[in-house]
């Protein structure tokens, strides 16, 4: 191979190497850009997850309070029913006693 041909081959190889370096630098740039976007998205996801966790905790607390209120109301309702049934029973006993007295008086 002549010196000129050898020089041309070296020039082509150098140009190919430089082109490959530019391709790698471009790919590296895009990869870094993608990593930054992914990192930002991850931070946004973490923020959204934290917000969802906070909302879930609020709903759990509200549910617990609601459940406690429901239990309290059921207890009060049971007490009121019991009081009402006892009152009806007492009135029924009084009525029976009155009927019994009237029967004894005749």
PDB file of N, CA and C in Angstrom:
ATOM      1  N   UNK A   1       0.861  -1.162   0.000  1.00  0.00           N
ATOM      2  CA  UNK A   1       0.000   0.000   0.000  1.00  0.00           C
ATOM      3  C   UNK A   1       0.904   1.221   0.000  1.00  0.00           C
ATOM      4  N   UNK A   2       0.519   2.216  -0.763  1.00  0.00           N
ATOM      5  CA  UNK A   2       1.346   3.425  -0.853  1.00  0.00           C
ATOM      6  C   UNK A   2       1.103   4.296   0.357  1.00  0.00           C
ATOM      7  N   UNK A   3       1.977   5.242   0.544  1.00  0.00           N
ATOM      8  CA  UNK A   3       1.867   6.145   1.686  1.00  0.00           C
ATOM      9  C   UNK A   3       0.598   6.968   1.573  1.00  0.00           C
ATOM     10  N   UNK A   4       0.228   7.337   0.365  1.00  0.00           N
ATOM     11  CA  UNK A   4      -0.985   8.136   0.171  1.00  0.00           C
ATOM     12  C   UNK A   4      -2.213   7.295   0.498  1.00  0.00           C
ATOM     13  N   UNK A   5      -2.243   6.035   0.074  1.00  0.00           N
ATOM     14  CA  UNK A   5      -3.363   5.149   0.379  1.00  0.00           C
ATOM     15  C   UNK A   5      -3.437   4.897   1.875  1.00  0.00           C
ATOM     16  N   UNK A   6      -2.288   4.711   2.484  1.00  0.00           N
ATOM     17  CA  UNK A   6      -2.223   4.497   3.925  1.00  0.00           C
ATOM     18  C   UNK A   6      -2.755   5.713   4.651  1.00  0.00           C
ATOM     19  N   UNK A   7      -2.402   6.889   4.177  1.00  0.00           N
ATOM     20  CA  UNK A   7      -2.870   8.133   4.779  1.00  0.00           C
ATOM     21  C   UNK A   7      -4.372   8.257   4.610  1.00  0.00           C
ATOM     22  N   UNK A   8      -4.917   7.857   3.469  1.00  0.00           N
ATOM     23  CA  UNK A   8      -6.357   7.915   3.232  1.00  0.00           C
ATOM     24  C   UNK A   8      -7.084   6.955   4.157  1.00  0.00           C
ATOM     25  N   UNK A   9      -6.558   5.754   4.324  1.00  0.00           N
ATOM     26  CA  UNK A   9      -7.166   4.766   5.208  1.00  0.00           C
ATOM     27  C   UNK A   9      -7.183   5.313   6.625  1.00  0.00           C
ATOM     28  N   UNK A  10      -6.064   5.926   7.056  1.00  0.00           N
ATOM     29  CA  UNK A  10      -6.008   6.514   8.399  1.00  0.00           C
ATOM     30  C   UNK A  10      -7.009   7.646   8.536  1.00  0.00           C
ATOM     31  N   UNK A  11      -7.158   8.452   7.481  1.00  0.00           N
ATOM     32  CA  UNK A  11      -8.128   9.560   7.526  1.00  0.00           C
ATOM     33  C   UNK A  11      -9.542   9.011   7.655  1.00  0.00           C
ATOM     34  N   UNK A  12      -9.848   7.966   6.903  1.00  0.00           N
ATOM     35  CA  UNK A  12     -11.186   7.368   6.956  1.00  0.00           C
ATOM     36  C   UNK A  12     -11.421   6.779   8.342  1.00  0.00           C
ATOM     37  N   UNK A  13     -10.436   6.074   8.853  1.00  0.00           N
ATOM     38  CA  UNK A  13     -10.574   5.489  10.183  1.00  0.00           C
ATOM     39  C   UNK A  13     -10.740   6.572  11.241  1.00  0.00           C
ATOM     40  N   UNK A  14      -9.965   7.661  11.106  1.00  0.00           N
ATOM     41  CA  UNK A  14     -10.077   8.764  12.061  1.00  0.00           C
ATOM     42  C   UNK A  14     -11.464   9.404  11.961  1.00  0.00           C
ATOM     43  N   UNK A  15     -11.940   9.607  10.742  1.00  0.00           N
ATOM     44  CA  UNK A  15     -13.272  10.204  10.552  1.00  0.00           C
ATOM     45  C   UNK A  15     -14.357   9.289  11.124  1.00  0.00           C
ATOM     46  N   UNK A  16     -14.205   7.971  10.914  1.00  0.00           N
ATOM     47  CA  UNK A  16     -15.169   7.025  11.464  1.00  0.00           C
ATOM     48  C   UNK A  16     -15.130   7.039  12.992  1.00  0.00           C
ATOM     49  N   UNK A  17     -13.957   7.126  13.558  1.00  0.00           N
ATOM     50  CA  UNK A  17     -13.808   7.179  15.014  1.00  0.00           C
ATOM     51  C   UNK A  17     -14.434   8.461  15.564  1.00  0.00           C
ATOM     52  N   UNK A  18     -14.185   9.577  14.863  1.00  0.00           N
ATOM     53  CA  UNK A  18     -14.782  10.842  15.314  1.00  0.00           C
ATOM     54  C   UNK A  18     -16.307  10.794  15.203  1.00  0.00           C
ATOM     55  N   UNK A  19     -16.801  10.203  14.151  1.00  0.00           N
ATOM     56  CA  UNK A  19     -18.254  10.072  13.979  1.00  0.00           C
ATOM     57  C   UNK A  19     -18.825   9.194  15.089  1.00  0.00           C
ATOM     58  N   UNK A  20     -18.116   8.120  15.427  1.00  0.00           N
ATOM     59  CA  UNK A  20     -18.569   7.224  16.502  1.00  0.00           C
ATOM     60  C   UNK A  20     -18.552   7.949  17.841  1.00  0.00           C
ATOM     61  N   UNK A  21     -17.515   8.771  18.069  1.00  0.00           N
ATOM     62  CA  UNK A  21     -17.430   9.557  19.309  1.00  0.00           C
ATOM     63  C   UNK A  21     -18.616  10.510  19.398  1.00  0.00           C
ATOM     64  N   UNK A  22     -18.947  11.158  18.286  1.00  0.00           N
ATOM     65  CA  UNK A  22     -20.081  12.090  18.262  1.00  0.00           C
ATOM     66  C   UNK A  22     -21.382  11.332  18.534  1.00  0.00           C
ATOM     67  N   UNK A  23     -21.532  10.136  17.947  1.00  0.00           N
ATOM     68  CA  UNK A  23     -22.724   9.316  18.200  1.00  0.00           C
ATOM     69  C   UNK A  23     -22.826   8.951  19.684  1.00  0.00           C
ATOM     70  N   UNK A  24     -21.691   8.557  20.262  1.00  0.00           N
ATOM     71  CA  UNK A  24     -21.682   8.181  21.676  1.00  0.00           C
ATOM     72  C   UNK A  24     -21.975   9.388  22.570  1.00  0.00           C
ATOM     73  N   UNK A  25     -21.411  10.544  22.226  1.00  0.00           N
ATOM     74  CA  UNK A  25     -21.680  11.754  23.013  1.00  0.00           C
ATOM     75  C   UNK A  25     -23.158  12.132  22.918  1.00  0.00           C
ATOM     76  N   UNK A  26     -23.728  12.002  21.739  1.00  0.00           N
ATOM     77  CA  UNK A  26     -25.147  12.316  21.545  1.00  0.00           C
ATOM     78  C   UNK A  26     -26.012  11.331  22.334  1.00  0.00           C
ATOM     79  N   UNK A  27     -25.676  10.050  22.266  1.00  0.00           N
ATOM     80  CA  UNK A  27     -26.427   9.043  23.017  1.00  0.00           C
ATOM     81  C   UNK A  27     -26.299   9.303  24.521  1.00  0.00           C
ATOM     82  N   UNK A  28     -25.083   9.673  24.958  1.00  0.00           N
ATOM     83  CA  UNK A  28     -24.852   9.987  26.378  1.00  0.00           C
ATOM     84  C   UNK A  28     -25.680  11.197  26.803  1.00  0.00           C
ATOM     85  N   UNK A  29     -25.729  12.213  25.944  1.00  0.00           N
ATOM     86  CA  UNK A  29     -26.519  13.409  26.246  1.00  0.00           C
ATOM     87  C   UNK A  29     -27.997  13.036  26.405  1.00  0.00           C
ATOM     88  N   UNK A  30     -28.515  12.243  25.466  1.00  0.00           N
ATOM     89  CA  UNK A  30     -29.926  11.844  25.521  1.00  0.00           C
ATOM     90  C   UNK A  30     -30.207  10.962  26.736  1.00  0.00           C
ATOM     91  N   UNK A  31     -29.256  10.094  27.052  1.00  0.00           N
ATOM     92  CA  UNK A  31     -29.413   9.248  28.231  1.00  0.00           C
ATOM     93  C   UNK A  31     -29.452  10.091  29.503  1.00  0.00           C
ATOM     94  N   UNK A  32     -28.533  11.051  29.605  1.00  0.00           N
ATOM     95  CA  UNK A  32     -28.538  11.942  30.779  1.00  0.00           C
ATOM     96  C   UNK A  32     -29.820  12.754  30.862  1.00  0.00           C
ATOM     97  N   UNK A  33     -30.297  13.203  29.717  1.00  0.00           N
ATOM     98  CA  UNK A  33     -31.552  13.950  29.684  1.00  0.00           C
ATOM     99  C   UNK A  33     -32.709  13.059  30.157  1.00  0.00           C
ATOM    100  N   UNK A  34     -32.724  11.832  29.686  1.00  0.00           N
ATOM    101  CA  UNK A  34     -33.761  10.879  30.095  1.00  0.00           C
ATOM    102  C   UNK A  34     -33.670  10.598  31.594  1.00  0.00           C
ATOM    103  N   UNK A  35     -32.460  10.446  32.109  1.00  0.00           N
ATOM    104  CA  UNK A  35     -32.281  10.203  33.546  1.00  0.00           C
ATOM    105  C   UNK A  35     -32.794  11.380  34.376  1.00  0.00           C
ATOM    106  N   UNK A  36     -32.520  12.608  33.914  1.00  0.00           N
ATOM    107  CA  UNK A  36     -33.028  13.787  34.629  1.00  0.00           C
ATOM    108  C   UNK A  36     -34.556  13.801  34.630  1.00  0.00           C
ATOM    109  N   UNK A  37     -35.153  13.500  33.475  1.00  0.00           N
ATOM    110  CA  UNK A  37     -36.618  13.465  33.387  1.00  0.00           C
ATOM    111  C   UNK A  37     -37.178  12.363  34.272  1.00  0.00           C
ATOM    112  N   UNK A  38     -36.515  11.224  34.272  1.00  0.00           N
ATOM    113  CA  UNK A  38     -36.954  10.108  35.105  1.00  0.00           C
ATOM    114  C   UNK A  38     -36.848  10.475  36.579  1.00  0.00           C
ATOM    115  N   UNK A  39     -35.765  11.155  36.924  1.00  0.00           N
ATOM    116  CA  UNK A  39     -35.575  11.582  38.314  1.00  0.00           C
ATOM    117  C   UNK A  39     -36.666  12.564  38.723  1.00  0.00           C
ATOM    118  N   UNK A  40     -36.980  13.512  37.842  1.00  0.00           N
ATOM    119  CA  UNK A  40     -38.053  14.467  38.137  1.00  0.00           C
ATOM    120  C   UNK A  40     -39.396  13.753  38.249  1.00  0.00           C
ATOM    121  N   UNK A  41     -39.629  12.824  37.345  1.00  0.00           N
ATOM    122  CA  UNK A  41     -40.882  12.065  37.391  1.00  0.00           C
ATOM    123  C   UNK A  41     -40.953  11.253  38.678  1.00  0.00           C
ATOM    124  N   UNK A  42     -39.818  10.692  39.071  1.00  0.00           N
ATOM    125  CA  UNK A  42     -39.783   9.912  40.310  1.00  0.00           C
ATOM    126  C   UNK A  42     -40.088  10.807  41.507  1.00  0.00           C
ATOM    127  N   UNK A  43     -39.511  12.005  41.497  1.00  0.00           N
ATOM    128  CA  UNK A  43     -39.799  12.953  42.591  1.00  0.00           C
ATOM    129  C   UNK A  43     -41.275  13.331  42.586  1.00  0.00           C
ATOM    130  N   UNK A  44     -41.835  13.553  41.402  1.00  0.00           N
ATOM    131  CA  UNK A  44     -43.264  13.864  41.302  1.00  0.00           C
ATOM    132  C   UNK A  44     -44.101  12.692  41.794  1.00  0.00           C
ATOM    133  N   UNK A  45     -43.683  11.470  41.407  1.00  0.00           N
ATOM    134  CA  UNK A  45     -44.401  10.279  41.866  1.00  0.00           C
ATOM    135  C   UNK A  45     -44.332  10.162  43.380  1.00  0.00           C
ATOM    136  N   UNK A  46     -43.165  10.457  43.947  1.00  0.00           N
ATOM    137  CA  UNK A  46     -43.021  10.389  45.409  1.00  0.00           C
ATOM    138  C   UNK A  46     -43.926  11.421  46.070  1.00  0.00           C
ATOM    139  N   UNK A  47     -43.991  12.612  45.481  1.00  0.00           N
ATOM    140  CA  UNK A  47     -44.877  13.649  46.019  1.00  0.00           C
ATOM    141  C   UNK A  47     -46.331  13.234  45.924  1.00  0.00           C
ATOM    142  N   UNK A  48     -46.693  12.659  44.787  1.00  0.00           N
ATOM    143  CA  UNK A  48     -48.081  12.195  44.604  1.00  0.00           C
ATOM    144  C   UNK A  48     -48.380  11.053  45.562  1.00  0.00           C
ATOM    145  N   UNK A  49     -47.433  10.159  45.743  1.00  0.00           N
ATOM    146  CA  UNK A  49     -47.624   9.042  46.669  1.00  0.00           C
ATOM    147  C   UNK A  49     -47.801   9.555  48.088  1.00  0.00           C
ATOM    148  N   UNK A  50     -46.991  10.532  48.470  1.00  0.00           N
ATOM    149  CA  UNK A  50     -47.098  11.109  49.816  1.00  0.00           C
ATOM    150  C   UNK A  50     -48.475  11.757  49.995  1.00  0.00           C
ATOM    151  N   UNK A  51     -48.932  12.474  48.973  1.00  0.00           N
ATOM    152  CA  UNK A  51     -50.257  13.100  49.035  1.00  0.00           C
ATOM    153  C   UNK A  51     -51.348  12.030  49.163  1.00  0.00           C
ATOM    154  N   UNK A  52     -51.208  10.939  48.414  1.00  0.00           N
ATOM    155  CA  UNK A  52     -52.185   9.853  48.506  1.00  0.00           C
ATOM    156  C   UNK A  52     -52.158   9.200  49.884  1.00  0.00           C
ATOM    157  N   UNK A  53     -50.959   9.029  50.438  1.00  0.00           N
ATOM    158  CA  UNK A  53     -50.851   8.449  51.776  1.00  0.00           C
ATOM    159  C   UNK A  53     -51.511   9.363  52.807  1.00  0.00           C
ATOM    160  N   UNK A  54     -51.282  10.666  52.684  1.00  0.00           N
ATOM    161  CA  UNK A  54     -51.910  11.619  53.603  1.00  0.00           C
ATOM    162  C   UNK A  54     -53.430  11.557  53.484  1.00  0.00           C
ATOM    163  N   UNK A  55     -53.934  11.509  52.255  1.00  0.00           N
ATOM    164  CA  UNK A  55     -55.390  11.447  52.047  1.00  0.00           C
ATOM    165  C   UNK A  55     -55.947  10.145  52.615  1.00  0.00           C
ATOM    166  N   UNK A  56     -55.230   9.044  52.399  1.00  0.00           N
ATOM    167  CA  UNK A  56     -55.658   7.757  52.939  1.00  0.00           C
ATOM    168  C   UNK A  56     -55.727   7.820  54.467  1.00  0.00           C
ATOM    169  N   UNK A  57     -54.703   8.414  55.074  1.00  0.00           N
ATOM    170  CA  UNK A  57     -54.691   8.551  56.537  1.00  0.00           C
ATOM    171  C   UNK A  57     -55.862   9.398  57.020  1.00  0.00           C
ATOM    172  N   UNK A  58     -56.166  10.478  56.293  1.00  0.00           N
ATOM    173  CA  UNK A  58     -57.308  11.319  56.661  1.00  0.00           C
ATOM    174  C   UNK A  58     -58.609  10.522  56.564  1.00  0.00           C
ATOM    175  N   UNK A  59     -58.741   9.749  55.499  1.00  0.00           N
ATOM    176  CA  UNK A  59     -59.957   8.947  55.328  1.00  0.00           C
ATOM    177  C   UNK A  59     -60.059   7.870  56.401  1.00  0.00           C
ATOM    178  N   UNK A  60     -58.922   7.262  56.757  1.00  0.00           N
ATOM    179  CA  UNK A  60     -58.923   6.265  57.826  1.00  0.00           C
ATOM    180  C   UNK A  60     -59.365   6.896  59.140  1.00  0.00           C
ATOM    181  N   UNK A  61     -58.850   8.084  59.419  1.00  0.00           N
ATOM    182  CA  UNK A  61     -59.210   8.788  60.659  1.00  0.00           C
ATOM    183  C   UNK A  61     -60.695   9.136  60.653  1.00  0.00           C
ATOM    184  N   UNK A  62     -61.177   9.637  59.528  1.00  0.00           N
ATOM    185  CA  UNK A  62     -62.605   9.972  59.422  1.00  0.00           C
ATOM    186  C   UNK A  62     -63.458   8.716  59.584  1.00  0.00           C
ATOM    187  N   UNK A  63     -63.002   7.615  58.985  1.00  0.00           N
ATOM    188  CA  UNK A  63     -63.742   6.356  59.114  1.00  0.00           C
ATOM    189  C   UNK A  63     -63.770   5.912  60.572  1.00  0.00           C
ATOM    190  N   UNK A  64     -62.635   6.025  61.248  1.00  0.00           N
ATOM    191  CA  UNK A  64     -62.577   5.621  62.661  1.00  0.00           C
ATOM    192  C   UNK A  64     -63.534   6.462  63.496  1.00  0.00           C
ATOM    193  N   UNK A  65     -63.534   7.775  63.237  1.00  0.00           N
ATOM    194  CA  UNK A  65     -64.446   8.658  63.972  1.00  0.00           C
ATOM    195  C   UNK A  65     -65.896   8.309  63.637  1.00  0.00           C
ATOM    196  N   UNK A  66     -66.145   8.039  62.362  1.00  0.00           N
ATOM    197  CA  UNK A  66     -67.495   7.680  61.938  1.00  0.00           C
ATOM    198  C   UNK A  66     -67.925   6.370  62.595  1.00  0.00           C
ATOM    199  N   UNK A  67     -67.000   5.414  62.638  1.00  0.00           N
ATOM    200  CA  UNK A  67     -67.304   4.123  63.262  1.00  0.00           C
ATOM    201  C   UNK A  67     -67.579   4.315  64.752  1.00  0.00           C
ATOM    202  N   UNK A  68     -66.781   5.147  65.408  1.00  0.00           N
ATOM    203  CA  UNK A  68     -66.994   5.411  66.835  1.00  0.00           C
ATOM    204  C   UNK A  68     -68.354   6.088  67.039  1.00  0.00           C
ATOM    205  N   UNK A  69     -68.695   7.019  66.151  1.00  0.00           N
ATOM    206  CA  UNK A  69     -69.996   7.691  66.239  1.00  0.00           C
ATOM    207  C   UNK A  69     -71.130   6.699  66.029  1.00  0.00           C
ATOM    208  N   UNK A  70     -70.951   5.811  65.055  1.00  0.00           N
ATOM    209  CA  UNK A  70     -71.977   4.806  64.787  1.00  0.00           C
ATOM    210  C   UNK A  70     -72.182   3.911  66.010  1.00  0.00           C
ATOM    211  N   UNK A  71     -71.102   3.480  66.621  1.00  0.00           N
ATOM    212  CA  UNK A  71     -71.195   2.624  67.810  1.00  0.00           C
ATOM    213  C   UNK A  71     -71.881   3.377  68.948  1.00  0.00           C
ATOM    214  N   UNK A  72     -71.507   4.646  69.142  1.00  0.00           N
ATOM    215  CA  UNK A  72     -72.115   5.459  70.195  1.00  0.00           C
ATOM    216  C   UNK A  72     -73.611   5.607  69.940  1.00  0.00           C
ATOM    217  N   UNK A  73     -73.979   5.890  68.668  1.00  0.00           N
ATOM    218  CA  UNK A  73     -75.396   6.051  68.331  1.00  0.00           C
ATOM    219  C   UNK A  73     -76.170   4.748  68.531  1.00  0.00           C
ATOM    220  N   UNK A  74     -75.573   3.627  68.150  1.00  0.00           N
ATOM    221  CA  UNK A  74     -76.245   2.333  68.371  1.00  0.00           C
ATOM    222  C   UNK A  74     -76.452   2.077  69.857  1.00  0.00           C
ATOM    223  N   UNK A  75     -75.456   2.425  70.661  1.00  0.00           N
ATOM    224  CA  UNK A  75     -75.574   2.241  72.109  1.00  0.00           C
ATOM    225  C   UNK A  75     -76.709   3.108  72.654  1.00  0.00           C
ATOM    226  N   UNK A  76     -76.745   4.372  72.228  1.00  0.00           N
ATOM    227  CA  UNK A  76     -77.800   5.281  72.686  1.00  0.00           C
ATOM    228  C   UNK A  76     -79.169   4.793  72.220  1.00  0.00           C
ATOM    229  N   UNK A  77     -79.257   4.312  70.994  1.00  0.00           N
ATOM    230  CA  UNK A  77     -80.514   3.789  70.471  1.00  0.00           C
ATOM    231  C   UNK A  77     -80.956   2.569  71.285  1.00  0.00           C
ATOM    232  N   UNK A  78     -80.013   1.693  71.583  1.00  0.00           N
ATOM    233  CA  UNK A  78     -80.324   0.521  72.396  1.00  0.00           C
ATOM    234  C   UNK A  78     -80.816   0.949  73.787  1.00  0.00           C
ATOM    235  N   UNK A  79     -80.147   1.925  74.374  1.00  0.00           N
ATOM    236  CA  UNK A  79     -80.569   2.416  75.690  1.00  0.00           C
ATOM    237  C   UNK A  79     -81.971   3.009  75.623  1.00  0.00           C
ATOM    238  N   UNK A  80     -82.244   3.768  74.568  1.00  0.00           N
ATOM    239  CA  UNK A  80     -83.558   4.394  74.408  1.00  0.00           C
ATOM    240  C   UNK A  80     -84.643   3.331  74.199  1.00  0.00           C
ATOM    241  N   UNK A  81     -84.359   2.332  73.371  1.00  0.00           N
ATOM    242  CA  UNK A  81     -85.324   1.243  73.168  1.00  0.00           C
ATOM    243  C   UNK A  81     -85.584   0.499  74.469  1.00  0.00           C
ATOM    244  N   UNK A  82     -84.507   0.219  75.184  1.00  0.00           N
ATOM    245  CA  UNK A  82     -84.649  -0.491  76.460  1.00  0.00           C
ATOM    246  C   UNK A  82     -85.493   0.327  77.429  1.00  0.00           C
ATOM    247  N   UNK A  83     -85.205   1.615  77.522  1.00  0.00           N
ATOM    248  CA  UNK A  83     -85.975   2.502  78.404  1.00  0.00           C
ATOM    249  C   UNK A  83     -87.442   2.507  77.992  1.00  0.00           C
ATOM    250  N   UNK A  84     -87.694   2.599  76.684  1.00  0.00           N
ATOM    251  CA  UNK A  84     -89.067   2.636  76.188  1.00  0.00           C
ATOM    252  C   UNK A  84     -89.789   1.303  76.474  1.00  0.00           C
ATOM    253  N   UNK A  85     -89.093   0.183  76.246  1.00  0.00           N
ATOM    254  CA  UNK A  85     -89.709  -1.120  76.523  1.00  0.00           C
ATOM    255  C   UNK A  85     -89.994  -1.289  78.013  1.00  0.00           C
ATOM    256  N   UNK A  86     -89.084  -0.840  78.857  1.00  0.00           N
ATOM    257  CA  UNK A  86     -89.316  -0.912  80.304  1.00  0.00           C
ATOM    258  C   UNK A  86     -90.509  -0.048  80.711  1.00  0.00           C
ATOM    259  N   UNK A  87     -90.603   1.108  80.081  1.00  0.00           N
ATOM    260  CA  UNK A  87     -91.734   1.996  80.376  1.00  0.00           C
ATOM    261  C   UNK A  87     -93.049   1.345  79.941  1.00  0.00           C
ATOM    262  N   UNK A  88     -93.048   0.738  78.748  1.00  0.00           N
ATOM    263  CA  UNK A  88     -94.250   0.038  78.282  1.00  0.00           C
ATOM    264  C   UNK A  88     -94.592  -1.126  79.210  1.00  0.00           C
ATOM    265  N   UNK A  89     -93.584  -1.847  79.624  1.00  0.00           N
ATOM    266  CA  UNK A  89     -93.793  -2.976  80.534  1.00  0.00           C
ATOM    267  C   UNK A  89     -94.372  -2.488  81.868  1.00  0.00           C
ATOM    268  N   UNK A  90     -93.817  -1.392  82.388  1.00  0.00           N
ATOM    269  CA  UNK A  90     -94.310  -0.824  83.644  1.00  0.00           C
ATOM    270  C   UNK A  90     -95.764  -0.383  83.493  1.00  0.00           C
ATOM    271  N   UNK A  91     -96.071   0.274  82.373  1.00  0.00           N
ATOM    272  CA  UNK A  91     -97.448   0.713  82.136  1.00  0.00           C
ATOM    273  C   UNK A  91     -98.377  -0.496  82.020  1.00  0.00           C
ATOM    274  N   UNK A  92     -97.896  -1.546  81.343  1.00  0.00           N
ATOM    275  CA  UNK A  92     -98.701  -2.761  81.224  1.00  0.00           C
ATOM    276  C   UNK A  92     -98.953  -3.393  82.585  1.00  0.00           C
ATOM    277  N   UNK A  93     -97.935  -3.416  83.444  1.00  0.00           N
ATOM    278  CA  UNK A  93     -98.101  -3.967  84.793  1.00  0.00           C
ATOM    279  C   UNK A  93     -99.079  -3.120  85.606  1.00  0.00           C
ATOM    280  N   UNK A  94     -98.986  -1.813  85.464  1.00  0.00           N
ATOM    281  CA  UNK A  94     -99.918  -0.936  86.191  1.00  0.00           C
ATOM    282  C   UNK A  94    -101.346  -1.197  85.734  1.00  0.00           C
ATOM    283  N   UNK A  95    -101.528  -1.326  84.436  1.00  0.00           N
ATOM    284  CA  UNK A  95    -102.856  -1.580  83.893  1.00  0.00           C
ATOM    285  C   UNK A  95    -103.388  -2.926  84.403  1.00  0.00           C
ATOM    286  N   UNK A  96    -102.532  -3.962  84.400  1.00  0.00           N
ATOM    287  CA  UNK A  96    -102.948  -5.267  84.920  1.00  0.00           C
ATOM    288  C   UNK A  96    -103.298  -5.175  86.401  1.00  0.00           C
ATOM    289  N   UNK A  97    -102.493  -4.405  87.158  1.00  0.00           N
ATOM    290  CA  UNK A  97    -102.773  -4.245  88.587  1.00  0.00           C
ATOM    291  C   UNK A  97    -104.121  -3.564  88.788  1.00  0.00           C
ATOM    292  N   UNK A  98    -104.401  -2.536  87.989  1.00  0.00           N
ATOM    293  CA  UNK A  98    -105.686  -1.852  88.089  1.00  0.00           C
ATOM    294  C   UNK A  98    -106.840  -2.792  87.749  1.00  0.00           C
ATOM    295  N   UNK A  99    -106.670  -3.573  86.694  1.00  0.00           N
ATOM    296  CA  UNK A  99    -107.699  -4.536  86.331  1.00  0.00           C
ATOM    297  C   UNK A  99    -107.903  -5.559  87.447  1.00  0.00           C
ATOM    298  N   UNK A 100    -106.814  -5.989  88.035  1.00  0.00           N
ATOM    299  CA  UNK A 100    -106.883  -6.972  89.127  1.00  0.00           C
ATOM    300  C   UNK A 100    -107.613  -6.362  90.327  1.00  0.00           C
ATOM    301  N   UNK A 101    -107.314  -5.103  90.648  1.00  0.00           N
ATOM    302  CA  UNK A 101    -107.999  -4.431  91.767  1.00  0.00           C
ATOM    303  C   UNK A 101    -109.479  -4.324  91.499  1.00  0.00           C
ATOM    304  N   UNK A 102    -109.821  -3.905  90.260  1.00  0.00           N
ATOM    305  CA  UNK A 102    -111.239  -3.777  89.917  1.00  0.00           C
ATOM    306  C   UNK A 102    -111.945  -5.129  90.038  1.00  0.00           C
ATOM    307  N   UNK A 103    -111.267  -6.155  89.607  1.00  0.00           N
ATOM    308  CA  UNK A 103    -111.842  -7.494  89.671  1.00  0.00           C
ATOM    309  C   UNK A 103    -112.049  -7.907  91.141  1.00  0.00           C
ATOM    310  N   UNK A 104    -111.075  -7.569  92.013  1.00  0.00           N
ATOM    311  CA  UNK A 104    -111.167  -7.913  93.409  1.00  0.00           C
ATOM    312  C   UNK A 104    -112.284  -7.083  94.103  1.00  0.00           C
ATOM    313  N   UNK A 105    -112.493  -5.897  93.644  1.00  0.00           N
ATOM    314  CA  UNK A 105    -113.497  -5.034  94.264  1.00  0.00           C
ATOM    315  C   UNK A 105    -114.908  -5.499  93.917  1.00  0.00           C
ATOM    316  N   UNK A 106    -115.071  -6.219  92.882  1.00  0.00           N
ATOM    317  CA  UNK A 106    -116.430  -6.661  92.510  1.00  0.00           C
ATOM    318  C   UNK A 106    -116.719  -7.946  93.069  1.00  0.00           C
TER     319      UNK A 106
END
